[in-house]
Protein backbone atom coordinates (compact mmCIF):
# COMPACT_ATOMS: atom_id res chain seq x y z
CA MET A 1 30.55 -30.86 -27.13
CA ASP A 2 30.70 -33.48 -23.79
CA LEU A 3 27.85 -33.59 -21.12
CA GLU A 4 29.94 -31.98 -18.49
CA CYS A 5 31.37 -29.13 -20.69
CA LEU A 6 27.27 -28.46 -21.41
CA LEU A 7 26.28 -28.56 -17.72
CA ASN A 8 29.29 -27.06 -15.96
CA PRO A 9 30.85 -24.59 -18.25
CA ALA A 10 34.38 -23.25 -17.38
CA VAL A 11 33.51 -19.84 -16.95
CA GLU A 12 30.96 -20.41 -13.91
CA ARG A 13 33.20 -22.76 -12.28
CA GLU A 14 35.41 -20.26 -12.01
CA VAL A 15 33.26 -18.21 -10.37
CA PHE A 16 32.07 -21.07 -7.94
CA GLU A 17 35.73 -21.39 -7.23
CA GLU A 18 36.38 -18.34 -6.45
CA ILE A 19 33.26 -17.96 -3.73
CA SER A 20 33.63 -20.41 -0.93
CA GLU A 21 30.32 -22.10 0.98
CA GLN A 22 30.76 -19.95 3.79
CA GLU A 23 30.76 -16.69 2.00
CA ILE A 24 27.59 -18.31 0.15
CA PHE A 25 25.63 -19.16 3.20
CA GLU A 26 26.56 -15.71 4.39
CA ALA A 27 24.99 -13.85 1.31
CA VAL A 28 21.66 -16.34 2.01
CA GLN A 29 20.98 -15.77 5.33
CA GLU A 30 21.49 -11.77 4.87
CA ALA A 31 18.72 -12.17 2.33
CA ALA A 32 16.58 -14.29 4.88
CA CYS A 33 17.15 -11.58 7.25
CA GLY A 34 16.26 -8.58 4.92
CA GLU A 35 13.68 -10.49 3.78
CA ASP A 36 12.14 -10.88 7.16
CA GLN A 37 12.70 -7.36 8.47
CA GLY A 38 11.17 -6.25 5.21
CA ASP A 39 7.76 -8.22 6.13
CA GLU A 40 7.71 -5.96 9.71
CA GLU A 41 7.89 -2.94 7.44
CA GLN A 42 4.86 -3.95 5.48
CA THR A 43 2.64 -4.61 8.41
CA GLU A 44 -0.69 -2.33 7.79
CA VAL A 45 -2.28 -1.06 11.49
CA PHE A 46 -5.95 -1.75 11.18
CA GLU A 47 -7.29 1.78 11.06
CA ALA A 48 -11.67 1.72 11.67
CA PRO A 49 -13.25 3.21 8.80
CA PRO A 50 -14.41 7.00 10.20
CA THR A 51 -18.10 6.79 11.65
CA ARG A 52 -21.32 8.28 10.33
CA LEU A 53 -21.13 11.22 12.46
CA GLU A 54 -17.07 11.89 11.55
CA ALA A 55 -18.25 11.97 7.60
CA LEU A 56 -21.04 13.99 8.30
CA GLN A 57 -18.89 16.47 10.19
CA ALA A 58 -16.13 16.31 7.76
CA ALA A 59 -18.76 16.61 4.85
CA ALA A 60 -20.10 19.80 6.53
CA VAL A 61 -16.67 21.99 7.37
CA LEU A 62 -15.94 21.38 3.32
CA SER A 63 -19.49 22.72 2.56
CA ARG A 64 -18.41 25.58 4.81
CA PHE A 65 -15.01 25.67 2.87
CA THR A 66 -16.83 25.91 -0.78
CA ALA A 67 -19.02 28.16 0.17
CA SER A 68 -16.45 31.13 0.14
CA LEU A 69 -15.66 30.18 -2.58
CA ASN A 70 -16.96 31.69 -5.95
CA SER A 71 -16.16 28.77 -8.51
CA PRO A 72 -18.06 25.88 -10.76
CA ALA A 73 -16.31 23.52 -9.21
CA ALA A 74 -16.73 24.72 -5.66
CA ARG A 75 -21.14 24.46 -6.92
CA LYS A 76 -20.19 21.11 -7.78
CA LEU A 77 -18.88 19.81 -4.83
CA GLU A 78 -21.33 21.62 -2.84
CA ASP A 79 -24.31 19.38 -4.77
CA ILE A 80 -22.31 15.95 -4.12
CA LEU A 81 -21.63 16.97 -0.46
CA ALA A 82 -25.36 17.79 -0.25
CA GLY A 83 -26.55 14.55 -2.08
CA PHE A 84 -24.02 12.47 0.52
CA THR A 85 -25.07 14.16 3.50
CA ARG A 86 -29.15 13.46 2.38
CA GLN A 87 -28.09 9.58 1.68
CA ILE A 88 -26.10 8.63 4.80
CA THR A 89 -28.76 10.56 7.02
CA SER A 90 -31.33 8.67 5.15
CA VAL A 91 -29.71 5.61 5.61
CA PRO A 92 -30.48 3.27 8.59
CA SER A 93 -27.80 2.94 11.45
CA SER A 94 -28.40 -0.99 11.37
CA ILE A 95 -27.32 -1.31 7.57
CA MET A 96 -23.96 0.70 7.72
């Protein structure tokens, strides 16, 4: 086996002979356009985190909801929400 056969096998030469340079160019361009469009879809819009007031309001809504339930999970969530509310209201706003 000579070096030419090793570097350029007959199978690969047949494939390259069937595909023109123009077709290769067009395939590369289509792939590049697809990548550009994909970047636009993946761009995330920055959303500001909820304010302290909004978080406390959400906790109050959940507390009212769980008060109507009779389950251990509801009691556990009530305890967690109560602790969260205490922690948020005791932290000075300058730290957050």
